[in-house]
C-alpha atoms as a PDB file:
ATOM      1  CA  UNK A   1     101.487  88.184  91.497  1.00  0.00           C
ATOM      2  CA  UNK A   2     101.541  91.920  92.198  1.00  0.00           C
ATOM      3  CA  UNK A   3      97.877  92.312  91.216  1.00  0.00           C
ATOM      4  CA  UNK A   4      96.951  89.227  93.260  1.00  0.00           C
ATOM      5  CA  UNK A   5      98.573  90.743  96.340  1.00  0.00           C
ATOM      6  CA  UNK A   6      96.791  94.031  95.712  1.00  0.00           C
ATOM      7  CA  UNK A   7      93.459  92.243  95.408  1.00  0.00           C
ATOM      8  CA  UNK A   8      94.108  90.399  98.680  1.00  0.00           C
ATOM      9  CA  UNK A   9      94.865  93.741 100.319  1.00  0.00           C
ATOM     10  CA  UNK A  10      91.671  95.202  98.818  1.00  0.00           C
ATOM     11  CA  UNK A  11      89.600  92.293 100.160  1.00  0.00           C
ATOM     12  CA  UNK A  12      91.037  92.857 103.649  1.00  0.00           C
ATOM     13  CA  UNK A  13      90.224  96.575 103.495  1.00  0.00           C
ATOM     14  CA  UNK A  14      86.682  95.804 102.373  1.00  0.00           C
ATOM     15  CA  UNK A  15      86.172  93.393 105.268  1.00  0.00           C
ATOM     16  CA  UNK A  16      87.402  95.905 107.842  1.00  0.00           C
ATOM     17  CA  UNK A  17      85.597  98.955 106.374  1.00  0.00           C
ATOM     18  CA  UNK A  18      83.446 100.997 108.777  1.00  0.00           C
ATOM     19  CA  UNK A  19      82.798 103.970 106.505  1.00  0.00           C
ATOM     20  CA  UNK A  20      78.981 103.715 106.719  1.00  0.00           C
ATOM     21  CA  UNK A  21      77.743 103.655 110.362  1.00  0.00           C
ATOM     22  CA  UNK A  22      74.169 102.710 109.419  1.00  0.00           C
ATOM     23  CA  UNK A  23      75.380  99.583 107.638  1.00  0.00           C
ATOM     24  CA  UNK A  24      77.835  98.643 110.382  1.00  0.00           C
ATOM     25  CA  UNK A  25      75.026  98.812 112.958  1.00  0.00           C
ATOM     26  CA  UNK A  26      72.568  96.906 110.767  1.00  0.00           C
ATOM     27  CA  UNK A  27      74.949  94.038 110.056  1.00  0.00           C
ATOM     28  CA  UNK A  28      75.670  93.614 113.752  1.00  0.00           C
ATOM     29  CA  UNK A  29      71.965  93.755 114.606  1.00  0.00           C
ATOM     30  CA  UNK A  30      71.119  91.070 112.041  1.00  0.00           C
ATOM     31  CA  UNK A  31      73.993  88.911 113.280  1.00  0.00           C
ATOM     32  CA  UNK A  32      72.603  89.011 116.819  1.00  0.00           C
ATOM     33  CA  UNK A  33      68.877  88.833 116.001  1.00  0.00           C
ATOM     34  CA  UNK A  34      69.049  85.779 113.755  1.00  0.00           C
ATOM     35  CA  UNK A  35      66.059  84.196 112.094  1.00  0.00           C
ATOM     36  CA  UNK A  36      65.047  80.893 113.646  1.00  0.00           C
ATOM     37  CA  UNK A  37      66.324  78.533 110.943  1.00  0.00           C
ATOM     38  CA  UNK A  38      69.828  79.937 111.361  1.00  0.00           C
ATOM     39  CA  UNK A  39      69.992  80.067 115.142  1.00  0.00           C
ATOM     40  CA  UNK A  40      72.962  77.708 115.141  1.00  0.00           C
ATOM     41  CA  UNK A  41      74.995  79.923 112.788  1.00  0.00           C
ATOM     42  CA  UNK A  42      77.740  82.294 113.863  1.00  0.00           C
ATOM     43  CA  UNK A  43      76.951  85.135 111.439  1.00  0.00           C
ATOM     44  CA  UNK A  44      79.729  86.863 109.491  1.00  0.00           C
ATOM     45  CA  UNK A  45      78.118  90.253 110.239  1.00  0.00           C
ATOM     46  CA  UNK A  46      80.579  92.548 108.426  1.00  0.00           C
ATOM     47  CA  UNK A  47      81.392  93.654 104.863  1.00  0.00           C
ATOM     48  CA  UNK A  48      81.634  90.724 102.442  1.00  0.00           C
ATOM     49  CA  UNK A  49      84.699  90.727 100.141  1.00  0.00           C
ATOM     50  CA  UNK A  50      84.778  89.840  96.462  1.00  0.00           C
ATOM     51  CA  UNK A  51      85.390  86.238  95.425  1.00  0.00           C
ATOM     52  CA  UNK A  52      87.512  84.833  92.587  1.00  0.00           C
ATOM     53  CA  UNK A  53      90.863  85.048  90.816  1.00  0.00           C
ATOM     54  CA  UNK A  54      92.722  88.079  89.510  1.00  0.00           C
ATOM     55  CA  UNK A  55      92.979  86.711  85.942  1.00  0.00           C
ATOM     56  CA  UNK A  56      89.233  86.259  85.422  1.00  0.00           C
ATOM     57  CA  UNK A  57      87.629  87.261  82.130  1.00  0.00           C
ATOM     58  CA  UNK A  58      84.127  87.406  83.649  1.00  0.00           C
ATOM     59  CA  UNK A  59      83.086  89.763  86.463  1.00  0.00           C
ATOM     60  CA  UNK A  60      79.648  89.409  88.069  1.00  0.00           C
ATOM     61  CA  UNK A  61      78.423  92.491  89.974  1.00  0.00           C
ATOM     62  CA  UNK A  62      75.424  92.144  92.277  1.00  0.00           C
ATOM     63  CA  UNK A  63      73.693  94.727  94.439  1.00  0.00           C
ATOM     64  CA  UNK A  64      74.683  93.792  98.005  1.00  0.00           C
ATOM     65  CA  UNK A  65      74.922  90.847 100.427  1.00  0.00           C
ATOM     66  CA  UNK A  66      71.610  89.462 101.645  1.00  0.00           C
ATOM     67  CA  UNK A  67      71.010  89.959 105.366  1.00  0.00           C
ATOM     68  CA  UNK A  68      70.688  86.226 106.037  1.00  0.00           C
ATOM     69  CA  UNK A  69      72.684  85.119 102.997  1.00  0.00           C
ATOM     70  CA  UNK A  70      76.221  86.438 102.495  1.00  0.00           C
ATOM     71  CA  UNK A  71      75.970  88.501 105.692  1.00  0.00           C
ATOM     72  CA  UNK A  72      75.577  85.132 107.419  1.00  0.00           C
ATOM     73  CA  UNK A  73      78.006  82.992 105.430  1.00  0.00           C
ATOM     74  CA  UNK A  74      80.740  85.528 104.648  1.00  0.00           C
ATOM     75  CA  UNK A  75      80.887  84.763 100.919  1.00  0.00           C
ATOM     76  CA  UNK A  76      79.170  86.750  98.214  1.00  0.00           C
ATOM     77  CA  UNK A  77      75.901  85.220  96.871  1.00  0.00           C
ATOM     78  CA  UNK A  78      76.221  82.294  99.277  1.00  0.00           C
ATOM     79  CA  UNK A  79      73.311  81.111 101.394  1.00  0.00           C
ATOM     80  CA  UNK A  80      70.316  82.670  99.622  1.00  0.00           C
ATOM     81  CA  UNK A  81      67.997  81.808  96.730  1.00  0.00           C
ATOM     82  CA  UNK A  82      69.610  84.121  94.173  1.00  0.00           C
ATOM     83  CA  UNK A  83      72.966  82.519  94.964  1.00  0.00           C
ATOM     84  CA  UNK A  84      71.506  79.085  94.257  1.00  0.00           C
ATOM     85  CA  UNK A  85      70.473  80.237  90.781  1.00  0.00           C
ATOM     86  CA  UNK A  86      73.741  82.066  90.117  1.00  0.00           C
ATOM     87  CA  UNK A  87      76.127  79.286  91.104  1.00  0.00           C
ATOM     88  CA  UNK A  88      74.056  76.669  89.315  1.00  0.00           C
ATOM     89  CA  UNK A  89      74.321  78.728  86.119  1.00  0.00           C
ATOM     90  CA  UNK A  90      78.037  79.314  86.674  1.00  0.00           C
ATOM     91  CA  UNK A  91      78.518  75.567  87.048  1.00  0.00           C
ATOM     92  CA  UNK A  92      76.440  74.685  83.992  1.00  0.00           C
ATOM     93  CA  UNK A  93      78.454  77.097  81.845  1.00  0.00           C
ATOM     94  CA  UNK A  94      81.845  76.058  83.216  1.00  0.00           C
ATOM     95  CA  UNK A  95      82.633  79.002  85.501  1.00  0.00           C
ATOM     96  CA  UNK A  96      82.807  77.068  88.789  1.00  0.00           C
ATOM     97  CA  UNK A  97      83.456  73.540  90.035  1.00  0.00           C
ATOM     98  CA  UNK A  98      80.295  72.959  92.090  1.00  0.00           C
ATOM     99  CA  UNK A  99      76.587  73.515  91.294  1.00  0.00           C
ATOM    100  CA  UNK A 100      75.767  75.008  94.705  1.00  0.00           C
ATOM    101  CA  UNK A 101      77.224  77.369  97.284  1.00  0.00           C
ATOM    102  CA  UNK A 102      76.297  76.638 100.896  1.00  0.00           C
ATOM    103  CA  UNK A 103      79.085  77.985 103.104  1.00  0.00           C
ATOM    104  CA  UNK A 104      82.543  79.508 102.876  1.00  0.00           C
ATOM    105  CA  UNK A 105      84.399  76.195 103.365  1.00  0.00           C
ATOM    106  CA  UNK A 106      82.408  74.029 100.928  1.00  0.00           C
ATOM    107  CA  UNK A 107      85.236  73.686  98.393  1.00  0.00           C
ATOM    108  CA  UNK A 108      83.668  75.920  95.751  1.00  0.00           C
ATOM    109  CA  UNK A 109      86.142  77.459  93.300  1.00  0.00           C
ATOM    110  CA  UNK A 110      85.470  79.858  90.452  1.00  0.00           C
ATOM    111  CA  UNK A 111      86.892  79.280  86.964  1.00  0.00           C
ATOM    112  CA  UNK A 112      87.751  82.392  84.937  1.00  0.00           C
ATOM    113  CA  UNK A 113      85.208  84.350  86.996  1.00  0.00           C
ATOM    114  CA  UNK A 114      85.122  86.843  89.838  1.00  0.00           C
ATOM    115  CA  UNK A 115      82.062  87.973  91.813  1.00  0.00           C
ATOM    116  CA  UNK A 116      81.640  91.300  93.570  1.00  0.00           C
ATOM    117  CA  UNK A 117      78.881  93.763  94.520  1.00  0.00           C
ATOM    118  CA  UNK A 118      78.021  97.437  94.224  1.00  0.00           C
ATOM    119  CA  UNK A 119      77.748  97.467  98.020  1.00  0.00           C
ATOM    120  CA  UNK A 120      79.722  95.082 100.256  1.00  0.00           C
ATOM    121  CA  UNK A 121      77.455  95.451 103.300  1.00  0.00           C
ATOM    122  CA  UNK A 122      73.904  94.203 103.754  1.00  0.00           C
ATOM    123  CA  UNK A 123      71.619  97.289 103.758  1.00  0.00           C
ATOM    124  CA  UNK A 124      68.341  97.566 105.713  1.00  0.00           C
ATOM    125  CA  UNK A 125      65.366  96.549 103.539  1.00  0.00           C
ATOM    126  CA  UNK A 126      67.917  95.837 100.795  1.00  0.00           C
ATOM    127  CA  UNK A 127      67.892  99.579 100.008  1.00  0.00           C
ATOM    128  CA  UNK A 128      71.294 101.299 100.134  1.00  0.00           C
ATOM    129  CA  UNK A 129      71.629 105.060 100.447  1.00  0.00           C
ATOM    130  CA  UNK A 130      73.333 107.013  97.664  1.00  0.00           C
ATOM    131  CA  UNK A 131      76.143 108.047 100.009  1.00  0.00           C
ATOM    132  CA  UNK A 132      76.735 104.407 100.942  1.00  0.00           C
ATOM    133  CA  UNK A 133      76.946 103.373  97.294  1.00  0.00           C
ATOM    134  CA  UNK A 134      79.352 106.205  96.559  1.00  0.00           C
ATOM    135  CA  UNK A 135      81.552 105.202  99.487  1.00  0.00           C
ATOM    136  CA  UNK A 136      81.673 101.589  98.300  1.00  0.00           C
ATOM    137  CA  UNK A 137      82.161 102.474  94.655  1.00  0.00           C
ATOM    138  CA  UNK A 138      85.784 103.294  95.409  1.00  0.00           C
ATOM    139  CA  UNK A 139      86.338  99.578  95.983  1.00  0.00           C
ATOM    140  CA  UNK A 140      84.745  98.717  92.640  1.00  0.00           C
ATOM    141  CA  UNK A 141      86.912 101.284  90.871  1.00  0.00           C
ATOM    142  CA  UNK A 142      90.043  99.795  92.405  1.00  0.00           C
ATOM    143  CA  UNK A 143      88.926  96.279  91.537  1.00  0.00           C
ATOM    144  CA  UNK A 144      88.247  97.157  87.891  1.00  0.00           C
ATOM    145  CA  UNK A 145      91.675  98.769  87.722  1.00  0.00           C
ATOM    146  CA  UNK A 146      93.360  95.586  88.968  1.00  0.00           C
ATOM    147  CA  UNK A 147      91.388  93.088  86.856  1.00  0.00           C
ATOM    148  CA  UNK A 148      93.327  93.315  83.608  1.00  0.00           C
ATOM    149  CA  UNK A 149      91.688  90.472  81.628  1.00  0.00           C
ATOM    150  CA  UNK A 150      87.978  91.243  82.062  1.00  0.00           C
ATOM    151  CA  UNK A 151      86.002  90.816  78.830  1.00  0.00           C
ATOM    152  CA  UNK A 152      82.448  90.649  80.204  1.00  0.00           C
ATOM    153  CA  UNK A 153      80.800  92.332  83.187  1.00  0.00           C
ATOM    154  CA  UNK A 154      77.396  91.025  84.263  1.00  0.00           C
ATOM    155  CA  UNK A 155      75.502  93.734  86.159  1.00  0.00           C
ATOM    156  CA  UNK A 156      72.601  92.239  88.120  1.00  0.00           C
ATOM    157  CA  UNK A 157      70.068  95.032  88.472  1.00  0.00           C
ATOM    158  CA  UNK A 158      69.993  98.748  87.734  1.00  0.00           C
ATOM    159  CA  UNK A 159      72.001  99.853  90.763  1.00  0.00           C
ATOM    160  CA  UNK A 160      74.823  97.444  89.921  1.00  0.00           C
ATOM    161  CA  UNK A 161      74.680  98.633  86.302  1.00  0.00           C
ATOM    162  CA  UNK A 162      74.807 102.310  87.296  1.00  0.00           C
ATOM    163  CA  UNK A 163      77.781 101.717  89.610  1.00  0.00           C
ATOM    164  CA  UNK A 164      79.646  99.820  86.886  1.00  0.00           C
ATOM    165  CA  UNK A 165      79.076 102.593  84.337  1.00  0.00           C
ATOM    166  CA  UNK A 166      80.049 105.363  86.785  1.00  0.00           C
ATOM    167  CA  UNK A 167      83.209 103.466  87.710  1.00  0.00           C
ATOM    168  CA  UNK A 168      84.057 102.777  84.067  1.00  0.00           C
ATOM    169  CA  UNK A 169      83.708 106.463  83.224  1.00  0.00           C
ATOM    170  CA  UNK A 170      85.972 107.440  86.104  1.00  0.00           C
ATOM    171  CA  UNK A 171      88.589 104.978  84.863  1.00  0.00           C
ATOM    172  CA  UNK A 172      88.114 106.217  81.289  1.00  0.00           C
ATOM    173  CA  UNK A 173      87.024 102.780  80.136  1.00  0.00           C
ATOM    174  CA  UNK A 174      84.370 104.615  78.137  1.00  0.00           C
ATOM    175  CA  UNK A 175      83.689 108.152  76.975  1.00  0.00           C
ATOM    176  CA  UNK A 176      81.862 110.271  79.571  1.00  0.00           C
ATOM    177  CA  UNK A 177      79.555 111.697  76.892  1.00  0.00           C
ATOM    178  CA  UNK A 178      78.131 108.263  76.139  1.00  0.00           C
ATOM    179  CA  UNK A 179      74.690 107.493  77.546  1.00  0.00           C
ATOM    180  CA  UNK A 180      74.011 103.934  78.663  1.00  0.00           C
ATOM    181  CA  UNK A 181      70.491 102.775  79.451  1.00  0.00           C
ATOM    182  CA  UNK A 182      69.692  99.812  81.683  1.00  0.00           C
ATOM    183  CA  UNK A 183      67.462  97.052  80.364  1.00  0.00           C
ATOM    184  CA  UNK A 184      67.105  93.444  81.492  1.00  0.00           C
ATOM    185  CA  UNK A 185      69.111  91.248  79.163  1.00  0.00           C
ATOM    186  CA  UNK A 186      70.627  94.312  77.497  1.00  0.00           C
ATOM    187  CA  UNK A 187      74.195  94.538  76.263  1.00  0.00           C
ATOM    188  CA  UNK A 188      76.386  97.639  76.075  1.00  0.00           C
ATOM    189  CA  UNK A 189      79.970  98.020  74.948  1.00  0.00           C
ATOM    190  CA  UNK A 190      82.699  99.884  76.790  1.00  0.00           C
ATOM    191  CA  UNK A 191      86.130 100.385  75.241  1.00  0.00           C
ATOM    192  CA  UNK A 192      87.256  96.815  75.842  1.00  0.00           C
ATOM    193  CA  UNK A 193      84.519  95.195  77.943  1.00  0.00           C
ATOM    194  CA  UNK A 194      80.939  94.158  77.264  1.00  0.00           C
ATOM    195  CA  UNK A 195      78.412  94.863  80.030  1.00  0.00           C
ATOM    196  CA  UNK A 196      75.429  92.489  80.094  1.00  0.00           C
ATOM    197  CA  UNK A 197      72.513  93.387  82.341  1.00  0.00           C
ATOM    198  CA  UNK A 198      70.045  91.107  84.041  1.00  0.00           C
ATOM    199  CA  UNK A 199      67.848  90.425  87.035  1.00  0.00           C
ATOM    200  CA  UNK A 200      67.881  87.791  89.762  1.00  0.00           C
ATOM    201  CA  UNK A 201      65.816  85.023  88.197  1.00  0.00           C
ATOM    202  CA  UNK A 202      66.873  81.547  87.104  1.00  0.00           C
ATOM    203  CA  UNK A 203      65.633  81.978  83.541  1.00  0.00           C
ATOM    204  CA  UNK A 204      67.473  85.286  83.223  1.00  0.00           C
ATOM    205  CA  UNK A 205      70.723  83.734  84.479  1.00  0.00           C
ATOM    206  CA  UNK A 206      70.530  81.050  81.789  1.00  0.00           C
ATOM    207  CA  UNK A 207      69.920  83.643  79.091  1.00  0.00           C
ATOM    208  CA  UNK A 208      72.766  85.842  80.325  1.00  0.00           C
ATOM    209  CA  UNK A 209      75.342  83.064  80.439  1.00  0.00           C
ATOM    210  CA  UNK A 210      74.473  81.974  76.915  1.00  0.00           C
ATOM    211  CA  UNK A 211      75.334  85.550  75.893  1.00  0.00           C
ATOM    212  CA  UNK A 212      78.555  85.412  77.915  1.00  0.00           C
ATOM    213  CA  UNK A 213      79.688  82.213  76.196  1.00  0.00           C
ATOM    214  CA  UNK A 214      79.444  83.881  72.794  1.00  0.00           C
ATOM    215  CA  UNK A 215      82.176  86.260  73.988  1.00  0.00           C
ATOM    216  CA  UNK A 216      84.227  84.088  76.363  1.00  0.00           C
ATOM    217  CA  UNK A 217      84.877  80.723  74.729  1.00  0.00           C
END
């Protein structure tokens, strides 16, 4: 219960964060200047918190919310194409109760899984600055510290992978002298967790989750 309360507090701090002025301005701009197919939406337009339970054994780490995806819906990987692939794979492998994720009140629940991102704000051109990633990495560090049962971390893309490894080293989940190289579909071992790397394609998601199910049964 203590960790759950701390995670709830962390999610609230993420949502209210204004540490990176460029990202704060961009999110608001996107929320006002909507694309035509979402004109009837009231955009979230602020940092998007992590999603899932505190006792999860699987942690999925993406890059950042999409400008007209999670920045619109308010839930990570919800409302864009990559989210369609991710949640369909999660459903097929038993990590969520629905095969799609449309909006924050659609009844979707994760099973033994939590989803977060290297950056909790949508960045312009989907390209975060190093300073922005470093600011947001403090949230990832805190989250990894609170998630006591994680066995597998899926890092979607090199930036997510780099932020996971940097955070793990800071928490002494691995030896700082170790060198970890990113490769799509690669697998590296920390002290207690396995990090699996991938990219945002449907075929890659299926391959990754087959790997995950050899570890989490």
